[in-house]
């Protein structure tokens, strides 16, 4: 069974899919203010939450007794230990991530880079794959007690194929059903489903072999695959 920490991390994963659809529709209607808020929000998170946390942790761990070589960063780290403890409590921050970039950082950067590089009709299904496919793979693999294989990234085939690939396609395709309200997709229904299926397959392979950086590489790799299909076969670019 999944641990409480694993459930909490899954709950962090899942909301980004539906939220991305809403956000991109808002950007589609009015780009200036919301687009600016997105850039500023990511910059603030990376700089204040991650970079300062890592610098503060570095100096805090290297202090000699109560003496710290950089009082400013040690003071900041002390004042914000509540953030670290809260992140650990709710499963966002693992113990081994205290002195290194967190999975949530790669998650946010992966979403942000995908948004910057690709058009909305690629970004939405890619983020739906990340939001639902990745946690589904873990849930199915553990629930079915699938055997893990070293040649398959030390993951179970059940989790990958049933969880990520199948449920990922369902989640990503669900965004296509919203096309009457979110006018993103220039492809027809059949071509869009094929595009999403290709993205899910590439996302599944990426999830297997990208290790701790899967949150960054899954949306980016699946976006490249879907965009390539639209360019070479879909004939719409």
C-alpha atoms as a PDB file:
ATOM      1  CA  UNK A   1       0.000   0.000   0.000  1.00  0.00           C
ATOM      2  CA  UNK A   2       1.037   3.570  -0.562  1.00  0.00           C
ATOM      3  CA  UNK A   3       2.421   5.425   2.432  1.00  0.00           C
ATOM      4  CA  UNK A   4       0.812   8.630   3.674  1.00  0.00           C
ATOM      5  CA  UNK A   5       3.769  10.571   2.279  1.00  0.00           C
ATOM      6  CA  UNK A   6       3.279   8.994  -1.149  1.00  0.00           C
ATOM      7  CA  UNK A   7      -0.422   9.915  -1.100  1.00  0.00           C
ATOM      8  CA  UNK A   8       0.436  13.512  -0.210  1.00  0.00           C
ATOM      9  CA  UNK A   9       2.949  13.772  -3.038  1.00  0.00           C
ATOM     10  CA  UNK A  10       0.338  12.402  -5.433  1.00  0.00           C
ATOM     11  CA  UNK A  11      -2.086  15.082  -4.277  1.00  0.00           C
ATOM     12  CA  UNK A  12       0.554  17.672  -5.187  1.00  0.00           C
ATOM     13  CA  UNK A  13       0.929  16.129  -8.644  1.00  0.00           C
ATOM     14  CA  UNK A  14      -2.681  15.792  -9.741  1.00  0.00           C
ATOM     15  CA  UNK A  15      -4.114  19.352  -9.529  1.00  0.00           C
ATOM     16  CA  UNK A  16      -1.638  20.748 -12.068  1.00  0.00           C
ATOM     17  CA  UNK A  17      -3.451  19.065 -14.977  1.00  0.00           C
ATOM     18  CA  UNK A  18      -6.860  20.720 -14.609  1.00  0.00           C
ATOM     19  CA  UNK A  19      -5.254  23.955 -13.409  1.00  0.00           C
ATOM     20  CA  UNK A  20      -3.052  24.066 -16.501  1.00  0.00           C
ATOM     21  CA  UNK A  21      -6.113  23.876 -18.744  1.00  0.00           C
ATOM     22  CA  UNK A  22      -7.759  26.776 -16.922  1.00  0.00           C
ATOM     23  CA  UNK A  23      -4.547  28.834 -16.810  1.00  0.00           C
ATOM     24  CA  UNK A  24      -3.797  28.377 -20.499  1.00  0.00           C
ATOM     25  CA  UNK A  25      -7.329  29.343 -21.428  1.00  0.00           C
ATOM     26  CA  UNK A  26      -6.909  32.501 -19.352  1.00  0.00           C
ATOM     27  CA  UNK A  27      -3.613  33.189 -21.123  1.00  0.00           C
ATOM     28  CA  UNK A  28      -5.320  32.538 -24.457  1.00  0.00           C
ATOM     29  CA  UNK A  29      -7.906  35.199 -23.675  1.00  0.00           C
ATOM     30  CA  UNK A  30      -5.680  37.779 -22.002  1.00  0.00           C
ATOM     31  CA  UNK A  31      -1.953  37.134 -22.067  1.00  0.00           C
ATOM     32  CA  UNK A  32      -0.304  40.236 -20.661  1.00  0.00           C
ATOM     33  CA  UNK A  33      -1.123  40.358 -16.932  1.00  0.00           C
ATOM     34  CA  UNK A  34      -1.469  36.614 -16.313  1.00  0.00           C
ATOM     35  CA  UNK A  35       1.630  35.838 -18.362  1.00  0.00           C
ATOM     36  CA  UNK A  36       3.601  38.361 -16.312  1.00  0.00           C
ATOM     37  CA  UNK A  37       2.271  36.860 -13.069  1.00  0.00           C
ATOM     38  CA  UNK A  38       3.363  33.387 -14.190  1.00  0.00           C
ATOM     39  CA  UNK A  39       6.932  34.510 -14.938  1.00  0.00           C
ATOM     40  CA  UNK A  40       7.214  36.400 -11.654  1.00  0.00           C
ATOM     41  CA  UNK A  41       5.711  33.514  -9.668  1.00  0.00           C
ATOM     42  CA  UNK A  42       8.203  30.991 -11.044  1.00  0.00           C
ATOM     43  CA  UNK A  43      11.117  33.384 -10.518  1.00  0.00           C
ATOM     44  CA  UNK A  44      10.112  34.029  -6.904  1.00  0.00           C
ATOM     45  CA  UNK A  45       9.699  30.327  -6.167  1.00  0.00           C
ATOM     46  CA  UNK A  46      13.048  29.364  -7.662  1.00  0.00           C
ATOM     47  CA  UNK A  47      14.967  32.231  -6.060  1.00  0.00           C
ATOM     48  CA  UNK A  48      13.417  32.526  -2.601  1.00  0.00           C
ATOM     49  CA  UNK A  49      12.176  29.014  -1.935  1.00  0.00           C
ATOM     50  CA  UNK A  50      14.845  26.884  -3.579  1.00  0.00           C
ATOM     51  CA  UNK A  51      18.084  28.824  -4.076  1.00  0.00           C
ATOM     52  CA  UNK A  52      18.044  30.594  -0.711  1.00  0.00           C
ATOM     53  CA  UNK A  53      16.987  27.362   1.018  1.00  0.00           C
ATOM     54  CA  UNK A  54      19.943  25.492  -0.491  1.00  0.00           C
ATOM     55  CA  UNK A  55      22.446  28.243   0.356  1.00  0.00           C
ATOM     56  CA  UNK A  56      21.061  28.541   3.876  1.00  0.00           C
ATOM     57  CA  UNK A  57      21.209  24.775   4.365  1.00  0.00           C
ATOM     58  CA  UNK A  58      24.817  24.694   3.157  1.00  0.00           C
ATOM     59  CA  UNK A  59      26.011  27.303   5.664  1.00  0.00           C
ATOM     60  CA  UNK A  60      23.833  25.902   8.455  1.00  0.00           C
ATOM     61  CA  UNK A  61      25.330  22.426   8.101  1.00  0.00           C
ATOM     62  CA  UNK A  62      28.886  23.804   7.982  1.00  0.00           C
ATOM     63  CA  UNK A  63      28.551  25.979  11.097  1.00  0.00           C
ATOM     64  CA  UNK A  64      30.970  25.405  13.966  1.00  0.00           C
ATOM     65  CA  UNK A  65      28.793  25.080  17.046  1.00  0.00           C
ATOM     66  CA  UNK A  66      26.771  28.277  17.171  1.00  0.00           C
ATOM     67  CA  UNK A  67      29.197  30.154  14.901  1.00  0.00           C
ATOM     68  CA  UNK A  68      28.206  30.477  11.269  1.00  0.00           C
ATOM     69  CA  UNK A  69      30.502  31.745   8.512  1.00  0.00           C
ATOM     70  CA  UNK A  70      27.593  33.537   6.874  1.00  0.00           C
ATOM     71  CA  UNK A  71      25.241  34.895   9.494  1.00  0.00           C
ATOM     72  CA  UNK A  72      22.764  36.292   6.982  1.00  0.00           C
ATOM     73  CA  UNK A  73      22.007  32.966   5.321  1.00  0.00           C
ATOM     74  CA  UNK A  74      22.051  31.081   8.613  1.00  0.00           C
ATOM     75  CA  UNK A  75      19.619  33.607  10.078  1.00  0.00           C
ATOM     76  CA  UNK A  76      17.364  33.235   7.052  1.00  0.00           C
ATOM     77  CA  UNK A  77      17.514  29.440   7.264  1.00  0.00           C
ATOM     78  CA  UNK A  78      16.657  29.495  10.974  1.00  0.00           C
ATOM     79  CA  UNK A  79      13.708  31.805  10.400  1.00  0.00           C
ATOM     80  CA  UNK A  80      12.347  29.585   7.654  1.00  0.00           C
ATOM     81  CA  UNK A  81      12.839  26.153   9.178  1.00  0.00           C
ATOM     82  CA  UNK A  82       9.041  26.093   9.531  1.00  0.00           C
ATOM     83  CA  UNK A  83       8.850  25.890   5.746  1.00  0.00           C
ATOM     84  CA  UNK A  84      11.248  22.946   5.638  1.00  0.00           C
ATOM     85  CA  UNK A  85       9.447  21.108   8.448  1.00  0.00           C
ATOM     86  CA  UNK A  86       6.029  21.745   6.886  1.00  0.00           C
ATOM     87  CA  UNK A  87       7.285  20.533   3.505  1.00  0.00           C
ATOM     88  CA  UNK A  88       8.608  17.350   5.130  1.00  0.00           C
ATOM     89  CA  UNK A  89       5.373  16.847   7.064  1.00  0.00           C
ATOM     90  CA  UNK A  90       3.223  17.005   3.948  1.00  0.00           C
ATOM     91  CA  UNK A  91       5.558  14.918   1.835  1.00  0.00           C
ATOM     92  CA  UNK A  92       6.683  17.685  -0.514  1.00  0.00           C
ATOM     93  CA  UNK A  93      10.267  17.515   0.745  1.00  0.00           C
ATOM     94  CA  UNK A  94      12.071  14.223   1.388  1.00  0.00           C
ATOM     95  CA  UNK A  95      14.917  13.903   3.870  1.00  0.00           C
ATOM     96  CA  UNK A  96      17.526  13.386   1.133  1.00  0.00           C
ATOM     97  CA  UNK A  97      16.316  16.569  -0.604  1.00  0.00           C
ATOM     98  CA  UNK A  98      17.244  18.869   2.284  1.00  0.00           C
ATOM     99  CA  UNK A  99      20.559  19.834   0.701  1.00  0.00           C
ATOM    100  CA  UNK A 100      19.665  19.331  -2.955  1.00  0.00           C
ATOM    101  CA  UNK A 101      17.051  20.530  -5.479  1.00  0.00           C
ATOM    102  CA  UNK A 102      13.646  19.032  -4.738  1.00  0.00           C
ATOM    103  CA  UNK A 103      11.343  17.066  -7.018  1.00  0.00           C
ATOM    104  CA  UNK A 104       8.874  19.947  -6.795  1.00  0.00           C
ATOM    105  CA  UNK A 105      11.502  22.270  -8.295  1.00  0.00           C
ATOM    106  CA  UNK A 106      11.958  19.994 -11.308  1.00  0.00           C
ATOM    107  CA  UNK A 107       8.173  19.728 -11.521  1.00  0.00           C
ATOM    108  CA  UNK A 108       7.680  23.497 -11.684  1.00  0.00           C
ATOM    109  CA  UNK A 109      10.643  24.061 -14.018  1.00  0.00           C
ATOM    110  CA  UNK A 110       9.453  21.248 -16.308  1.00  0.00           C
ATOM    111  CA  UNK A 111       5.979  22.758 -16.525  1.00  0.00           C
ATOM    112  CA  UNK A 112       7.397  26.249 -17.060  1.00  0.00           C
ATOM    113  CA  UNK A 113       9.886  25.276 -19.800  1.00  0.00           C
ATOM    114  CA  UNK A 114       7.224  23.256 -21.608  1.00  0.00           C
ATOM    115  CA  UNK A 115       4.911  26.258 -21.483  1.00  0.00           C
ATOM    116  CA  UNK A 116       7.618  28.561 -22.891  1.00  0.00           C
ATOM    117  CA  UNK A 117       8.623  26.292 -25.781  1.00  0.00           C
ATOM    118  CA  UNK A 118       5.403  24.714 -27.046  1.00  0.00           C
ATOM    119  CA  UNK A 119       1.945  25.957 -28.098  1.00  0.00           C
ATOM    120  CA  UNK A 120      -1.023  25.496 -25.707  1.00  0.00           C
ATOM    121  CA  UNK A 121      -2.490  22.552 -27.648  1.00  0.00           C
ATOM    122  CA  UNK A 122       0.746  20.651 -26.903  1.00  0.00           C
ATOM    123  CA  UNK A 123       1.251  21.912 -23.353  1.00  0.00           C
ATOM    124  CA  UNK A 124      -2.202  20.921 -22.048  1.00  0.00           C
ATOM    125  CA  UNK A 125      -2.048  17.161 -22.853  1.00  0.00           C
ATOM    126  CA  UNK A 126       1.634  17.047 -21.817  1.00  0.00           C
ATOM    127  CA  UNK A 127       0.826  18.432 -18.374  1.00  0.00           C
ATOM    128  CA  UNK A 128      -2.199  16.151 -18.046  1.00  0.00           C
ATOM    129  CA  UNK A 129       0.127  13.207 -18.700  1.00  0.00           C
ATOM    130  CA  UNK A 130       2.503  14.430 -16.003  1.00  0.00           C
ATOM    131  CA  UNK A 131      -0.280  15.183 -13.528  1.00  0.00           C
ATOM    132  CA  UNK A 132      -2.170  11.891 -13.820  1.00  0.00           C
ATOM    133  CA  UNK A 133       0.111   9.395 -15.563  1.00  0.00           C
ATOM    134  CA  UNK A 134       3.089   9.651 -13.223  1.00  0.00           C
ATOM    135  CA  UNK A 135       1.193   9.106  -9.928  1.00  0.00           C
ATOM    136  CA  UNK A 136      -1.046   6.494 -11.605  1.00  0.00           C
ATOM    137  CA  UNK A 137       2.033   4.450 -12.533  1.00  0.00           C
ATOM    138  CA  UNK A 138       3.172   4.414  -8.917  1.00  0.00           C
ATOM    139  CA  UNK A 139      -0.304   3.652  -7.570  1.00  0.00           C
ATOM    140  CA  UNK A 140      -0.999   0.773  -9.982  1.00  0.00           C
ATOM    141  CA  UNK A 141       2.482  -0.703  -9.605  1.00  0.00           C
ATOM    142  CA  UNK A 142       2.233  -0.821  -5.805  1.00  0.00           C
ATOM    143  CA  UNK A 143      -1.439  -1.882  -5.711  1.00  0.00           C
ATOM    144  CA  UNK A 144      -0.880  -4.807  -8.088  1.00  0.00           C
ATOM    145  CA  UNK A 145       2.443  -5.637  -6.423  1.00  0.00           C
ATOM    146  CA  UNK A 146       4.092  -5.706  -9.813  1.00  0.00           C
ATOM    147  CA  UNK A 147       7.590  -7.080 -10.117  1.00  0.00           C
ATOM    148  CA  UNK A 148      10.256  -4.462 -10.689  1.00  0.00           C
ATOM    149  CA  UNK A 149      12.799  -5.066 -13.434  1.00  0.00           C
ATOM    150  CA  UNK A 150      16.318  -3.561 -13.497  1.00  0.00           C
ATOM    151  CA  UNK A 151      16.173  -3.282 -17.298  1.00  0.00           C
ATOM    152  CA  UNK A 152      12.897  -1.322 -16.954  1.00  0.00           C
ATOM    153  CA  UNK A 153      14.278   1.427 -14.735  1.00  0.00           C
ATOM    154  CA  UNK A 154      13.613  -0.715 -11.629  1.00  0.00           C
ATOM    155  CA  UNK A 155       9.875  -0.176 -12.150  1.00  0.00           C
ATOM    156  CA  UNK A 156       6.990  -2.567 -12.762  1.00  0.00           C
ATOM    157  CA  UNK A 157       5.533  -3.164 -16.214  1.00  0.00           C
ATOM    158  CA  UNK A 158       2.021  -3.085 -14.728  1.00  0.00           C
ATOM    159  CA  UNK A 159       2.538   0.371 -13.303  1.00  0.00           C
ATOM    160  CA  UNK A 160       4.010   1.703 -16.525  1.00  0.00           C
ATOM    161  CA  UNK A 161       1.548   0.269 -19.040  1.00  0.00           C
ATOM    162  CA  UNK A 162      -1.677   0.244 -17.005  1.00  0.00           C
ATOM    163  CA  UNK A 163      -0.925   3.286 -14.902  1.00  0.00           C
ATOM    164  CA  UNK A 164       1.024   5.766 -16.954  1.00  0.00           C
ATOM    165  CA  UNK A 165       0.184   4.766 -20.522  1.00  0.00           C
ATOM    166  CA  UNK A 166      -3.506   3.854 -20.183  1.00  0.00           C
ATOM    167  CA  UNK A 167      -4.620   6.346 -17.552  1.00  0.00           C
ATOM    168  CA  UNK A 168      -2.336   8.970 -19.049  1.00  0.00           C
ATOM    169  CA  UNK A 169      -4.128   8.676 -22.386  1.00  0.00           C
ATOM    170  CA  UNK A 170      -7.502   8.918 -20.649  1.00  0.00           C
ATOM    171  CA  UNK A 171      -6.488  12.031 -18.716  1.00  0.00           C
ATOM    172  CA  UNK A 172      -4.860  13.744 -21.683  1.00  0.00           C
ATOM    173  CA  UNK A 173      -7.731  12.851 -24.009  1.00  0.00           C
ATOM    174  CA  UNK A 174     -10.197  14.267 -21.497  1.00  0.00           C
ATOM    175  CA  UNK A 175      -8.721  17.680 -22.192  1.00  0.00           C
ATOM    176  CA  UNK A 176      -9.661  17.218 -25.845  1.00  0.00           C
ATOM    177  CA  UNK A 177     -13.307  16.817 -24.829  1.00  0.00           C
ATOM    178  CA  UNK A 178     -13.123  20.351 -23.483  1.00  0.00           C
ATOM    179  CA  UNK A 179     -12.288  21.660 -26.929  1.00  0.00           C
ATOM    180  CA  UNK A 180     -15.700  23.329 -27.262  1.00  0.00           C
ATOM    181  CA  UNK A 181     -14.747  25.498 -24.286  1.00  0.00           C
ATOM    182  CA  UNK A 182     -10.959  25.586 -24.621  1.00  0.00           C
ATOM    183  CA  UNK A 183     -10.249  26.163 -28.289  1.00  0.00           C
ATOM    184  CA  UNK A 184      -6.686  24.897 -28.516  1.00  0.00           C
ATOM    185  CA  UNK A 185      -6.578  21.885 -30.767  1.00  0.00           C
ATOM    186  CA  UNK A 186      -6.095  22.444 -34.516  1.00  0.00           C
ATOM    187  CA  UNK A 187      -6.123  18.690 -35.198  1.00  0.00           C
ATOM    188  CA  UNK A 188      -9.277  16.643 -35.637  1.00  0.00           C
ATOM    189  CA  UNK A 189     -10.458  14.234 -32.939  1.00  0.00           C
ATOM    190  CA  UNK A 190      -8.780  11.098 -34.355  1.00  0.00           C
ATOM    191  CA  UNK A 191      -5.448  12.790 -35.045  1.00  0.00           C
ATOM    192  CA  UNK A 192      -5.493  14.412 -31.632  1.00  0.00           C
ATOM    193  CA  UNK A 193      -6.064  11.046 -29.944  1.00  0.00           C
ATOM    194  CA  UNK A 194      -3.169   9.533 -31.921  1.00  0.00           C
ATOM    195  CA  UNK A 195      -0.997  12.503 -30.973  1.00  0.00           C
ATOM    196  CA  UNK A 196      -1.872  12.107 -27.289  1.00  0.00           C
ATOM    197  CA  UNK A 197      -1.232   8.337 -27.441  1.00  0.00           C
ATOM    198  CA  UNK A 198       2.226   8.938 -28.885  1.00  0.00           C
ATOM    199  CA  UNK A 199       2.893  11.493 -26.167  1.00  0.00           C
ATOM    200  CA  UNK A 200       1.742   9.030 -23.502  1.00  0.00           C
ATOM    201  CA  UNK A 201       4.020   6.289 -24.854  1.00  0.00           C
ATOM    202  CA  UNK A 202       7.061   8.572 -24.928  1.00  0.00           C
ATOM    203  CA  UNK A 203       6.121   9.937 -21.508  1.00  0.00           C
ATOM    204  CA  UNK A 204       5.943   6.384 -20.152  1.00  0.00           C
ATOM    205  CA  UNK A 205       9.435   5.566 -21.444  1.00  0.00           C
ATOM    206  CA  UNK A 206      10.727   8.850 -20.044  1.00  0.00           C
ATOM    207  CA  UNK A 207       9.171   8.119 -16.635  1.00  0.00           C
ATOM    208  CA  UNK A 208      10.943   4.768 -16.579  1.00  0.00           C
ATOM    209  CA  UNK A 209      14.454   5.936 -17.419  1.00  0.00           C
ATOM    210  CA  UNK A 210      14.726   9.551 -16.269  1.00  0.00           C
ATOM    211  CA  UNK A 211      15.033   8.763 -12.555  1.00  0.00           C
ATOM    212  CA  UNK A 212      14.613  11.646 -10.128  1.00  0.00           C
ATOM    213  CA  UNK A 213      14.371  14.149 -12.994  1.00  0.00           C
ATOM    214  CA  UNK A 214      11.177  12.627 -14.413  1.00  0.00           C
ATOM    215  CA  UNK A 215       9.098  15.660 -13.438  1.00  0.00           C
ATOM    216  CA  UNK A 216      11.182  17.769 -15.798  1.00  0.00           C
ATOM    217  CA  UNK A 217      11.672  15.350 -18.684  1.00  0.00           C
ATOM    218  CA  UNK A 218       8.171  13.810 -18.915  1.00  0.00           C
ATOM    219  CA  UNK A 219       6.304  16.920 -20.129  1.00  0.00           C
ATOM    220  CA  UNK A 220       9.204  18.056 -22.302  1.00  0.00           C
ATOM    221  CA  UNK A 221       9.818  14.687 -24.002  1.00  0.00           C
ATOM    222  CA  UNK A 222       6.117  13.983 -24.562  1.00  0.00           C
ATOM    223  CA  UNK A 223       5.704  17.503 -25.983  1.00  0.00           C
ATOM    224  CA  UNK A 224       8.525  16.922 -28.472  1.00  0.00           C
ATOM    225  CA  UNK A 225       6.890  13.654 -29.560  1.00  0.00           C
ATOM    226  CA  UNK A 226       3.432  15.194 -29.990  1.00  0.00           C
ATOM    227  CA  UNK A 227       4.765  18.251 -31.786  1.00  0.00           C
ATOM    228  CA  UNK A 228       6.804  16.042 -34.134  1.00  0.00           C
ATOM    229  CA  UNK A 229       3.699  14.026 -35.000  1.00  0.00           C
ATOM    230  CA  UNK A 230       1.728  17.201 -35.690  1.00  0.00           C
ATOM    231  CA  UNK A 231       4.536  18.528 -37.877  1.00  0.00           C
ATOM    232  CA  UNK A 232       5.465  15.453 -39.916  1.00  0.00           C
ATOM    233  CA  UNK A 233       2.166  13.531 -40.048  1.00  0.00           C
ATOM    234  CA  UNK A 234      -0.625  15.779 -38.847  1.00  0.00           C
ATOM    235  CA  UNK A 235       0.267  18.341 -41.480  1.00  0.00           C
ATOM    236  CA  UNK A 236      -0.912  21.348 -39.505  1.00  0.00           C
ATOM    237  CA  UNK A 237       2.324  23.230 -38.832  1.00  0.00           C
END
